Amino acid sequence: MAISLAQTLADSIQRQIGEGAYKTGEKLPSLREVAHKHEYSKNTVVAAFETLVSRGVIEPRRGSGYYVRTAAAQPQEEDGAGLRNAMDIVWLMREQLKTEPGTLSVGDGYPPVEWLADSRLDKYYHKVVRTGLGALFRYGSRFGYTPLRQHLVTKLADIGIDVEARQIVLMHGANQAMDIIIRRFVTPGAVVLVDDPGYYPLFGKLKFAGATIVGVPRLVDGPDVEALERLVELHRPRLFFTQSVAHNPTGSDITPAKAFRVMQIAQKSGLIVVENDPLADYKPVSAPRLAALDQLERTVYVGSFSKSFSAALRVGFVACSPDLASDLADIKALTHVSSSEFCERTVDVILSEQHFERYVAGLRQRLAEATTSALKVFDDLGAEVFARRPESLYLWAALPGVDDTAAFAERMLERRIVMAPGKVFSVDSSVPSRWSRFNVGAVIDPRFAQAVRELTAGKRGRQGTSAA
């Protein structure tokens, strides 16, 4: 049975009431405020509130608004449970994607806009049109624009992955790539391994598919291989999603020895490792990749240009075995017909320009400088940093005296500073975390350190390390 947006919103509000976000007798935000916050139509919000009234959870008061009537029980997980399980993550993604003037997002997942502005997307339009005007009015190939796939053959060879164009499928970014991989492999109830902490939108996709998510603890040098081996033996999963370098959220990189051990476990057990590498252009080509060790026998490599050029282009790709590439291209055709050839041609033109290598070198230099500055900020604050890499868009850090970063994030929000609390990235998001993900390009803004000092004044001492 399909679940309407109104019912989904009603379930979300009821869950918040049940968890104590709104107390008995407390007034709820107005219909207009809720519609603006969630970007729903007013009719959808009205229907959601009427649903809550019919459940006896809230009551209308003429001329005043809606009030909490009683502490709400959690909504029943019946039909459409997969979507409801994912809705909290959808809400978090919406919050992360908001851009309000004057707000500093120190938990942002993207490089600063000024870093990417040097790509000069505006100058490529006419060159893209000259690559074939007629083709821009038709659907493209199910595999994606052939010249770009051929370009990627060379690009992947630079990091040690030998591949043919027929093994590459272009996607609407890395997120569509992971979604289609999940469609291909994951059935309801199937156990899937993920990094913990890890990429929370992936958790939402897996919940939506009805998967059972099991976290593999992330250490400074990569996945905990002893835990991975135990979990593989216990659950016999088919997939393990991981990020070898520039790990989101910890900023850690896998070591060659750890990468070799992961692939030994995969080879022995039949495990397929999905390696997400969205920040490849920011890291040295010599950085260890699982797909380079395995040459796509038991690995599926996911790449993206969202953090190199622009998230608006929505161009990513999957590199894998030829048979799997054909399967994924078919699923892509069935669910989306094709990806955007215009965007793919734009990326191909950019990669063809001599300016590209200089541009990437500039990105790496900016990242290295920002990382050095951000580490100094945290050292001055007395914070604990999980992994200290010379170039890392993300730092996983624990601020002194802060035991619950979700609660601390609410206080920071009062100062118009948006954080990314650690529990968001945990497989079990109900457990408070003292860790947060920080963007090195944002935390060097003086407003961040000033706010932290004001809110942690008088607090001393640090607690033991924990990656989850």
Protein backbone atom coordinates (compact mmCIF):
# COMPACT_ATOMS: atom_id res chain seq x y z
CA MET A 1 0.00 0.00 0.00
CA ALA A 2 1.39 3.39 -0.94
CA ILE A 3 2.07 5.81 1.90
CA SER A 4 1.01 9.41 1.32
CA LEU A 5 3.19 12.38 2.19
CA ALA A 6 0.55 13.47 4.70
CA GLN A 7 0.69 10.13 6.53
CA THR A 8 4.48 10.16 6.45
CA LEU A 9 4.52 13.66 7.97
CA ALA A 10 1.93 12.66 10.57
CA ASP A 11 4.05 9.63 11.58
CA SER A 12 7.14 11.83 11.86
CA ILE A 13 5.40 14.39 14.11
CA GLN A 14 3.87 11.62 16.23
CA ARG A 15 7.32 10.08 16.64
CA GLN A 16 8.73 13.43 17.77
CA ILE A 17 5.92 13.80 20.31
CA GLY A 18 6.55 10.29 21.58
CA GLU A 19 10.25 11.07 22.01
CA GLY A 20 9.48 14.21 24.01
CA ALA A 21 10.23 16.88 21.40
CA TYR A 22 6.75 18.31 22.13
CA LYS A 23 5.20 17.98 25.59
CA THR A 24 1.56 17.42 26.55
CA GLY A 25 -0.29 20.74 26.27
CA GLU A 26 2.43 22.33 24.15
CA LYS A 27 1.47 24.21 21.00
CA LEU A 28 2.77 22.80 17.73
CA PRO A 29 4.31 25.02 15.02
CA SER A 30 1.75 26.60 12.72
CA LEU A 31 0.65 24.99 9.47
CA ARG A 32 2.58 27.64 7.56
CA GLU A 33 5.78 27.01 9.58
CA VAL A 34 5.59 23.24 9.09
CA ALA A 35 4.91 23.62 5.35
CA HIS A 36 7.90 25.95 4.97
CA LYS A 37 10.24 23.76 7.03
CA HIS A 38 9.44 20.51 5.23
CA GLU A 39 8.73 22.07 1.82
CA TYR A 40 5.28 20.49 1.66
CA SER A 41 2.09 22.07 0.36
CA LYS A 42 -0.30 23.52 2.94
CA ASN A 43 -2.92 20.90 1.98
CA THR A 44 -0.46 18.11 2.81
CA VAL A 45 0.24 19.63 6.24
CA VAL A 46 -3.48 20.12 6.92
CA ALA A 47 -4.11 16.45 6.06
CA ALA A 48 -1.25 15.38 8.36
CA PHE A 49 -2.63 17.41 11.27
CA GLU A 50 -6.13 16.03 10.67
CA THR A 51 -4.64 12.52 10.79
CA LEU A 52 -3.05 13.29 14.16
CA VAL A 53 -6.36 14.69 15.44
CA SER A 54 -8.15 11.50 14.40
CA ARG A 55 -5.51 9.46 16.27
CA GLY A 56 -6.16 11.51 19.42
CA VAL A 57 -2.58 12.77 19.50
CA ILE A 58 -3.29 16.50 19.05
CA GLU A 59 -6.31 18.77 19.33
CA PRO A 60 -7.27 22.00 17.51
CA ARG A 61 -8.10 25.14 19.48
CA ARG A 62 -10.11 27.68 17.54
CA GLY A 63 -8.11 30.78 16.73
CA SER A 64 -5.00 29.45 18.46
CA GLY A 65 -3.64 26.41 16.63
CA TYR A 66 -2.94 22.75 17.38
CA TYR A 67 -1.81 21.42 20.76
CA VAL A 68 -0.40 18.11 21.95
CA ARG A 69 -3.19 16.18 23.61
CA THR A 70 -1.23 13.26 25.05
CA ALA A 71 2.18 11.61 24.87
CA ALA A 72 1.99 9.77 21.59
CA ALA A 73 2.69 6.10 21.11
CA GLN A 74 5.05 5.34 18.25
CA PRO A 75 3.23 4.80 14.93
CA GLN A 76 2.75 1.18 14.02
CA GLU A 77 5.23 -0.24 11.49
CA GLU A 78 2.92 -1.95 9.04
CA ASP A 79 2.68 -1.42 5.30
CA GLY A 80 5.31 0.96 3.95
CA ALA A 81 7.59 0.47 6.97
CA GLY A 82 10.66 0.85 4.78
CA LEU A 83 9.76 4.41 3.85
CA ARG A 84 8.92 5.38 7.43
CA ASN A 85 12.20 3.89 8.66
CA ALA A 86 14.05 6.11 6.20
CA MET A 87 12.07 9.30 6.86
CA ASP A 88 14.22 10.59 9.72
CA ILE A 89 17.24 10.37 7.42
CA VAL A 90 15.31 12.14 4.66
CA TRP A 91 14.57 14.94 7.12
CA LEU A 92 18.27 15.15 8.05
CA MET A 93 19.21 15.35 4.38
CA ARG A 94 16.74 18.19 3.90
CA GLU A 95 18.28 20.07 6.81
CA GLN A 96 21.79 19.56 5.41
CA LEU A 97 20.74 20.83 1.98
CA LYS A 98 19.25 24.05 3.31
CA THR A 99 21.26 27.20 2.64
CA GLU A 100 20.13 30.19 4.69
CA PRO A 101 21.94 33.54 4.49
CA GLY A 102 24.16 34.20 7.48
CA THR A 103 24.27 30.56 8.60
CA LEU A 104 27.62 28.79 9.02
CA SER A 105 27.38 25.07 8.25
CA VAL A 106 30.44 23.53 9.90
CA GLY A 107 29.08 20.04 9.20
CA ASP A 108 28.67 20.60 5.45
CA GLY A 109 29.38 17.61 3.21
CA TYR A 110 30.61 19.67 0.25
CA PRO A 111 33.73 21.73 -0.41
CA PRO A 112 33.32 25.51 -0.09
CA VAL A 113 31.66 27.03 -3.15
CA GLU A 114 34.61 29.36 -3.73
CA TRP A 115 36.88 26.33 -4.21
CA LEU A 116 34.68 24.96 -7.00
CA ALA A 117 34.04 28.32 -8.67
CA ASP A 118 37.42 28.05 -10.40
CA SER A 119 36.01 25.26 -12.55
CA ARG A 120 34.22 28.03 -14.51
CA LEU A 121 31.24 25.96 -15.63
CA ASP A 122 29.82 29.00 -17.42
CA LYS A 123 32.45 28.89 -20.15
CA TYR A 124 31.71 25.33 -21.30
CA TYR A 125 28.16 25.62 -22.66
CA HIS A 126 29.06 26.43 -26.26
CA LYS A 127 31.75 23.75 -26.33
CA VAL A 128 29.23 21.18 -25.09
CA VAL A 129 26.74 22.13 -27.80
CA ARG A 130 29.44 21.73 -30.45
CA THR A 131 30.01 18.12 -29.35
CA GLY A 132 26.71 17.14 -30.99
CA LEU A 133 23.64 19.35 -30.89
CA GLY A 134 21.26 16.72 -32.29
CA ALA A 135 22.06 14.17 -29.58
CA LEU A 136 21.13 16.64 -26.86
CA PHE A 137 17.44 16.30 -27.76
CA ARG A 138 17.33 12.50 -27.34
CA TYR A 139 17.80 9.99 -24.55
CA GLY A 140 21.37 8.79 -24.29
CA SER A 141 22.82 5.30 -24.10
CA ARG A 142 21.90 3.15 -21.09
CA PHE A 143 25.63 3.03 -20.30
CA GLY A 144 26.07 6.80 -20.64
CA TYR A 145 28.07 9.07 -22.95
CA THR A 146 30.80 6.94 -24.56
CA PRO A 147 33.60 9.57 -24.78
CA LEU A 148 33.29 10.27 -21.04
CA ARG A 149 33.44 6.55 -20.25
CA GLN A 150 36.58 6.34 -22.38
CA HIS A 151 38.00 9.28 -20.46
CA LEU A 152 37.28 7.42 -17.23
CA VAL A 153 39.27 4.42 -18.45
CA THR A 154 42.37 6.65 -18.41
CA LYS A 155 41.40 8.36 -15.16
CA LEU A 156 40.92 5.05 -13.35
CA ALA A 157 44.21 3.72 -14.72
CA ASP A 158 45.94 6.60 -12.90
CA ILE A 159 44.82 5.11 -9.56
CA GLY A 160 45.69 1.56 -10.59
CA ILE A 161 42.31 0.25 -11.79
CA ASP A 162 42.51 -1.39 -15.23
CA VAL A 163 39.09 -1.21 -16.85
CA GLU A 164 37.40 -1.12 -20.25
CA ALA A 165 34.66 1.32 -21.26
CA ARG A 166 32.09 -1.51 -21.29
CA GLN A 167 32.69 -1.93 -17.54
CA ILE A 168 31.63 1.64 -16.76
CA VAL A 169 28.05 2.85 -16.31
CA LEU A 170 27.40 6.57 -15.88
CA MET A 171 24.88 7.60 -13.22
CA HIS A 172 23.10 10.64 -11.75
CA GLY A 173 25.83 10.93 -9.12
CA ALA A 174 27.15 8.41 -6.62
CA ASN A 175 23.83 8.26 -4.75
CA GLN A 176 21.97 6.90 -7.78
CA ALA A 177 24.82 4.46 -8.28
CA MET A 178 24.42 3.09 -4.76
CA ASP A 179 20.64 2.99 -5.15
CA ILE A 180 20.87 0.88 -8.31
CA ILE A 181 23.46 -1.44 -6.74
CA ILE A 182 21.05 -1.96 -3.83
CA ARG A 183 18.22 -2.70 -6.27
CA ARG A 184 20.42 -5.32 -7.95
CA PHE A 185 21.62 -7.15 -4.83
CA VAL A 186 19.49 -6.40 -1.75
CA THR A 187 16.27 -8.20 -0.87
CA PRO A 188 14.08 -7.43 2.19
CA GLY A 189 15.71 -8.77 5.34
CA ALA A 190 19.12 -9.26 3.75
CA VAL A 191 22.10 -8.36 5.94
CA VAL A 192 24.32 -5.63 4.51
CA LEU A 193 27.57 -4.47 6.11
CA VAL A 194 28.46 -0.77 6.27
CA ASP A 195 31.13 1.42 7.83
CA ASP A 196 30.16 2.55 11.33
CA PRO A 197 30.24 5.53 11.55
CA GLY A 198 29.42 5.87 7.88
CA TYR A 199 27.51 7.61 5.11
CA TYR A 200 24.03 8.14 6.56
CA PRO A 201 22.12 8.60 3.22
CA LEU A 202 23.27 5.06 2.39
CA PHE A 203 21.68 3.87 5.64
CA GLY A 204 18.42 5.45 4.51
CA LYS A 205 18.53 3.72 1.13
CA LEU A 206 19.17 0.36 2.78
CA LYS A 207 16.33 0.86 5.27
CA PHE A 208 14.03 1.78 2.40
CA ALA A 209 14.99 -1.52 0.72
CA GLY A 210 14.16 -3.41 3.93
CA ALA A 211 17.76 -4.47 4.56
CA THR A 212 19.21 -5.37 7.95
CA ILE A 213 22.15 -3.00 8.44
CA VAL A 214 25.16 -4.21 10.42
CA GLY A 215 27.99 -1.80 11.19
CA VAL A 216 31.69 -2.60 10.85
CA PRO A 217 33.60 -0.32 13.26
CA ARG A 218 35.77 2.22 11.45
CA LEU A 219 39.28 2.64 12.84
CA VAL A 220 41.92 5.24 12.00
CA ASP A 221 43.53 2.88 9.45
CA GLY A 222 40.32 1.53 7.90
CA PRO A 223 37.65 -1.04 8.82
CA ASP A 224 38.16 -3.21 11.91
CA VAL A 225 39.13 -6.38 10.03
CA GLU A 226 38.72 -8.65 13.07
CA ALA A 227 35.14 -7.42 13.46
CA LEU A 228 34.58 -7.69 9.71
CA GLU A 229 35.72 -11.31 9.72
CA ARG A 230 33.44 -12.18 12.65
CA LEU A 231 30.45 -10.45 11.07
CA VAL A 232 30.99 -12.14 7.72
CA GLU A 233 31.17 -15.53 9.42
CA LEU A 234 28.05 -14.81 11.50
CA HIS A 235 25.76 -13.21 8.91
CA ARG A 236 27.09 -14.39 5.52
CA PRO A 237 26.27 -11.02 3.92
CA ARG A 238 26.60 -10.43 0.20
CA LEU A 239 27.61 -6.74 0.31
CA PHE A 240 29.94 -4.49 2.28
CA PHE A 241 29.72 -0.75 1.54
CA THR A 242 32.88 1.11 2.50
CA GLN A 243 34.92 4.22 1.72
CA SER A 244 38.65 3.53 1.60
CA VAL A 245 40.06 7.06 1.37
CA ALA A 246 38.74 10.43 2.58
CA HIS A 247 36.23 8.47 4.63
CA ASN A 248 32.94 10.20 5.38
CA PRO A 249 32.62 11.15 8.23
CA THR A 250 35.97 10.36 9.91
CA GLY A 251 38.39 11.63 7.22
CA SER A 252 40.51 8.49 7.68
CA ASP A 253 42.33 6.55 4.95
CA ILE A 254 42.78 2.79 4.71
CA THR A 255 46.37 1.49 4.91
CA PRO A 256 47.75 -0.89 2.25
CA ALA A 257 48.00 -3.72 4.78
CA LYS A 258 44.41 -3.22 5.93
CA ALA A 259 43.17 -3.04 2.31
CA PHE A 260 44.91 -6.33 1.52
CA ARG A 261 43.29 -7.99 4.54
CA VAL A 262 39.81 -6.76 3.61
CA MET A 263 40.14 -8.26 0.14
CA GLN A 264 41.42 -11.54 1.59
CA ILE A 265 38.24 -11.79 3.66
CA ALA A 266 36.07 -10.89 0.64
CA GLN A 267 37.76 -13.47 -1.58
CA LYS A 268 37.44 -16.21 1.02
CA SER A 269 33.78 -15.52 1.85
CA GLY A 270 32.38 -14.43 -1.52
CA LEU A 271 31.65 -10.95 -0.16
CA ILE A 272 31.18 -8.14 -2.70
CA VAL A 273 32.81 -4.88 -1.60
CA VAL A 274 31.25 -1.64 -2.85
CA GLU A 275 33.95 1.05 -2.65
CA ASN A 276 32.69 4.64 -2.71
CA ASP A 277 35.36 7.20 -3.70
CA PRO A 278 33.67 10.62 -4.11
CA LEU A 279 36.77 12.65 -3.19
CA ALA A 280 39.24 10.89 -5.49
CA ASP A 281 40.38 14.16 -7.09
CA TYR A 282 41.44 15.48 -3.67
CA LYS A 283 43.70 12.55 -2.77
CA PRO A 284 47.04 11.34 -4.20
CA VAL A 285 46.75 8.76 -6.99
CA SER A 286 48.96 6.51 -4.86
CA ALA A 287 46.34 6.25 -2.10
CA PRO A 288 45.30 2.57 -1.70
CA ARG A 289 42.01 1.53 -3.28
CA LEU A 290 40.42 -1.87 -2.82
CA ALA A 291 39.37 -1.94 -6.48
CA ALA A 292 43.01 -1.52 -7.54
CA LEU A 293 44.01 -4.55 -5.46
CA ASP A 294 41.14 -6.67 -6.73
CA GLN A 295 40.76 -5.27 -10.28
CA LEU A 296 36.96 -5.37 -9.99
CA GLU A 297 36.64 -9.12 -9.42
CA ARG A 298 34.90 -8.82 -6.05
CA THR A 299 34.75 -5.02 -5.91
CA VAL A 300 32.37 -2.45 -7.33
CA TYR A 301 33.89 1.03 -7.58
CA VAL A 302 31.67 4.11 -7.31
CA GLY A 303 32.95 7.56 -8.34
CA SER A 304 31.49 11.02 -8.64
CA PHE A 305 32.24 14.55 -9.88
CA SER A 306 29.86 16.30 -7.46
CA LYS A 307 32.65 17.38 -5.12
CA SER A 308 35.13 18.12 -7.92
CA PHE A 309 33.00 20.40 -10.14
CA SER A 310 29.42 20.84 -9.00
CA ALA A 311 26.74 18.81 -7.25
CA ALA A 312 24.29 20.34 -9.74
CA LEU A 313 25.84 18.39 -12.63
CA ARG A 314 24.81 15.07 -11.03
CA VAL A 315 27.36 12.91 -12.82
CA GLY A 316 28.76 9.78 -11.21
CA PHE A 317 29.69 6.30 -12.35
CA VAL A 318 30.09 2.64 -11.45
CA ALA A 319 33.04 0.51 -12.58
CA CYS A 320 32.61 -3.24 -12.21
CA SER A 321 32.69 -6.54 -14.10
CA PRO A 322 31.22 -6.46 -17.64
CA ASP A 323 28.23 -8.67 -16.77
CA LEU A 324 27.32 -6.64 -13.71
CA ALA A 325 27.76 -3.40 -15.67
CA SER A 326 25.20 -4.62 -18.18
CA ASP A 327 22.77 -5.55 -15.39
CA LEU A 328 23.14 -2.16 -13.71
CA ALA A 329 22.68 -0.37 -17.04
CA ASP A 330 19.44 -2.29 -17.57
CA ILE A 331 18.15 -1.35 -14.11
CA LYS A 332 19.11 2.25 -14.79
CA ALA A 333 17.20 2.16 -18.09
CA LEU A 334 14.15 0.62 -16.43
CA THR A 335 14.05 3.10 -13.52
CA HIS A 336 15.39 6.30 -15.12
CA VAL A 337 15.59 5.60 -18.90
CA SER A 338 19.00 7.28 -19.08
CA SER A 339 21.27 9.69 -17.28
CA SER A 340 21.82 13.27 -18.45
CA GLU A 341 23.96 13.26 -21.59
CA PHE A 342 24.19 17.04 -21.47
CA CYS A 343 25.80 16.90 -18.03
CA GLU A 344 28.00 13.99 -19.09
CA ARG A 345 29.19 15.92 -22.14
CA THR A 346 29.94 18.88 -19.88
CA VAL A 347 32.15 16.75 -17.64
CA ASP A 348 33.85 15.24 -20.68
CA VAL A 349 34.66 18.71 -22.03
CA ILE A 350 36.07 19.76 -18.65
CA LEU A 351 38.28 16.67 -18.46
CA SER A 352 39.54 17.38 -21.99
CA GLU A 353 40.76 20.87 -21.08
CA GLN A 354 44.39 21.43 -20.11
CA HIS A 355 43.05 23.64 -17.33
CA PHE A 356 41.69 20.56 -15.54
CA GLU A 357 45.01 19.33 -14.10
CA ARG A 358 45.85 22.79 -12.81
CA TYR A 359 42.38 23.10 -11.34
CA VAL A 360 42.68 19.77 -9.47
CA ALA A 361 46.13 20.71 -8.20
CA GLY A 362 44.59 23.93 -6.88
CA LEU A 363 41.84 21.99 -5.09
CA ARG A 364 44.40 19.77 -3.38
CA GLN A 365 46.47 22.76 -2.30
CA ARG A 366 43.42 24.49 -0.85
CA LEU A 367 42.40 21.34 0.97
CA ALA A 368 45.87 20.86 2.48
CA GLU A 369 45.98 24.46 3.70
CA ALA A 370 42.45 24.29 5.13
CA THR A 371 43.21 20.98 6.88
CA THR A 372 46.28 22.45 8.56
CA SER A 373 44.31 25.50 9.70
CA ALA A 374 41.37 23.41 10.93
CA LEU A 375 43.61 21.11 12.96
CA LYS A 376 45.08 24.19 14.65
CA VAL A 377 41.56 25.40 15.49
CA PHE A 378 40.75 22.10 17.19
CA ASP A 379 44.08 21.95 18.98
CA ASP A 380 43.51 25.45 20.34
CA LEU A 381 40.06 24.37 21.54
CA GLY A 382 41.47 21.29 23.24
CA ALA A 383 39.42 18.98 21.02
CA GLU A 384 40.21 15.36 20.21
CA VAL A 385 40.63 14.60 16.49
CA PHE A 386 40.05 11.02 15.36
CA ALA A 387 42.34 10.95 12.28
CA ARG A 388 44.97 13.50 11.31
CA ARG A 389 45.49 13.29 7.58
CA PRO A 390 47.48 15.99 5.71
CA GLU A 391 44.51 16.59 3.41
CA SER A 392 40.99 15.79 4.55
CA LEU A 393 37.70 17.54 3.80
CA TYR A 394 36.24 16.00 6.96
CA LEU A 395 37.54 15.90 10.52
CA TRP A 396 35.85 13.67 13.09
CA ALA A 397 36.33 15.46 16.36
CA ALA A 398 35.13 15.50 19.99
CA LEU A 399 34.86 18.91 21.64
CA PRO A 400 35.94 19.24 25.29
CA GLY A 401 33.13 18.79 27.78
CA VAL A 402 30.56 17.82 25.14
CA ASP A 403 29.05 14.37 25.73
CA ASP A 404 26.01 14.65 23.46
CA THR A 405 26.70 16.50 20.22
CA ALA A 406 23.04 16.36 19.14
CA ALA A 407 22.08 18.48 22.16
CA PHE A 408 25.12 20.69 21.66
CA ALA A 409 24.18 21.17 18.00
CA GLU A 410 20.83 22.63 19.08
CA ARG A 411 22.63 25.22 21.19
CA MET A 412 24.99 26.02 18.31
CA LEU A 413 21.99 26.45 16.02
CA GLU A 414 20.85 29.33 18.22
CA ARG A 415 24.05 31.03 17.07
CA ARG A 416 23.23 30.18 13.44
CA ILE A 417 25.91 27.50 13.27
CA VAL A 418 24.83 24.13 11.85
CA MET A 419 26.66 21.00 13.00
CA ALA A 420 26.58 17.36 11.91
CA PRO A 421 26.23 15.37 15.19
CA GLY A 422 27.94 12.01 15.37
CA LYS A 423 24.86 9.91 16.05
CA VAL A 424 23.57 10.81 12.57
CA PHE A 425 26.40 8.73 11.10
CA SER A 426 25.95 5.75 13.42
CA VAL A 427 24.04 2.60 12.52
CA ASP A 428 22.34 2.93 15.93
CA SER A 429 21.39 6.60 15.93
CA SER A 430 19.61 6.32 19.31
CA VAL A 431 22.94 6.33 21.20
CA PRO A 432 24.30 9.80 22.07
CA SER A 433 27.71 10.57 20.60
CA ARG A 434 30.43 12.99 21.63
CA TRP A 435 31.78 13.05 18.05
CA SER A 436 30.80 15.30 15.12
CA ARG A 437 31.78 15.63 11.47
CA PHE A 438 33.41 18.95 10.62
CA ASN A 439 34.18 20.49 7.24
CA VAL A 440 37.71 21.93 7.27
CA GLY A 441 36.71 24.74 4.94
CA ALA A 442 34.02 25.91 7.38
CA VAL A 443 35.51 25.47 10.87
CA ILE A 444 38.27 27.97 10.13
CA ASP A 445 35.60 30.68 10.22
CA PRO A 446 36.23 32.52 13.56
CA ARG A 447 32.53 32.32 14.44
CA PHE A 448 32.87 28.59 15.10
CA ALA A 449 35.69 28.72 17.65
CA GLN A 450 34.12 31.71 19.39
CA ALA A 451 30.78 29.92 19.78
CA VAL A 452 32.44 26.73 21.06
CA ARG A 453 34.44 28.67 23.64
CA GLU A 454 31.33 30.46 24.86
CA LEU A 455 29.31 27.26 25.20
CA THR A 456 32.07 25.13 26.76
CA ALA A 457 33.50 27.74 29.12
CA GLY A 458 34.49 26.13 32.39
CA LYS A 459 34.23 22.59 31.08
CA ARG A 460 37.38 20.51 31.22
CA GLY A 461 38.52 16.98 30.59
CA ARG A 462 38.20 14.61 27.73
CA GLN A 463 36.72 11.18 27.46
CA GLY A 464 38.14 8.05 25.85
CA THR A 465 38.05 7.54 22.12
CA SER A 466 35.26 5.82 20.26
CA ALA A 467 34.74 5.65 16.52
CA ALA A 468 31.05 4.84 16.58
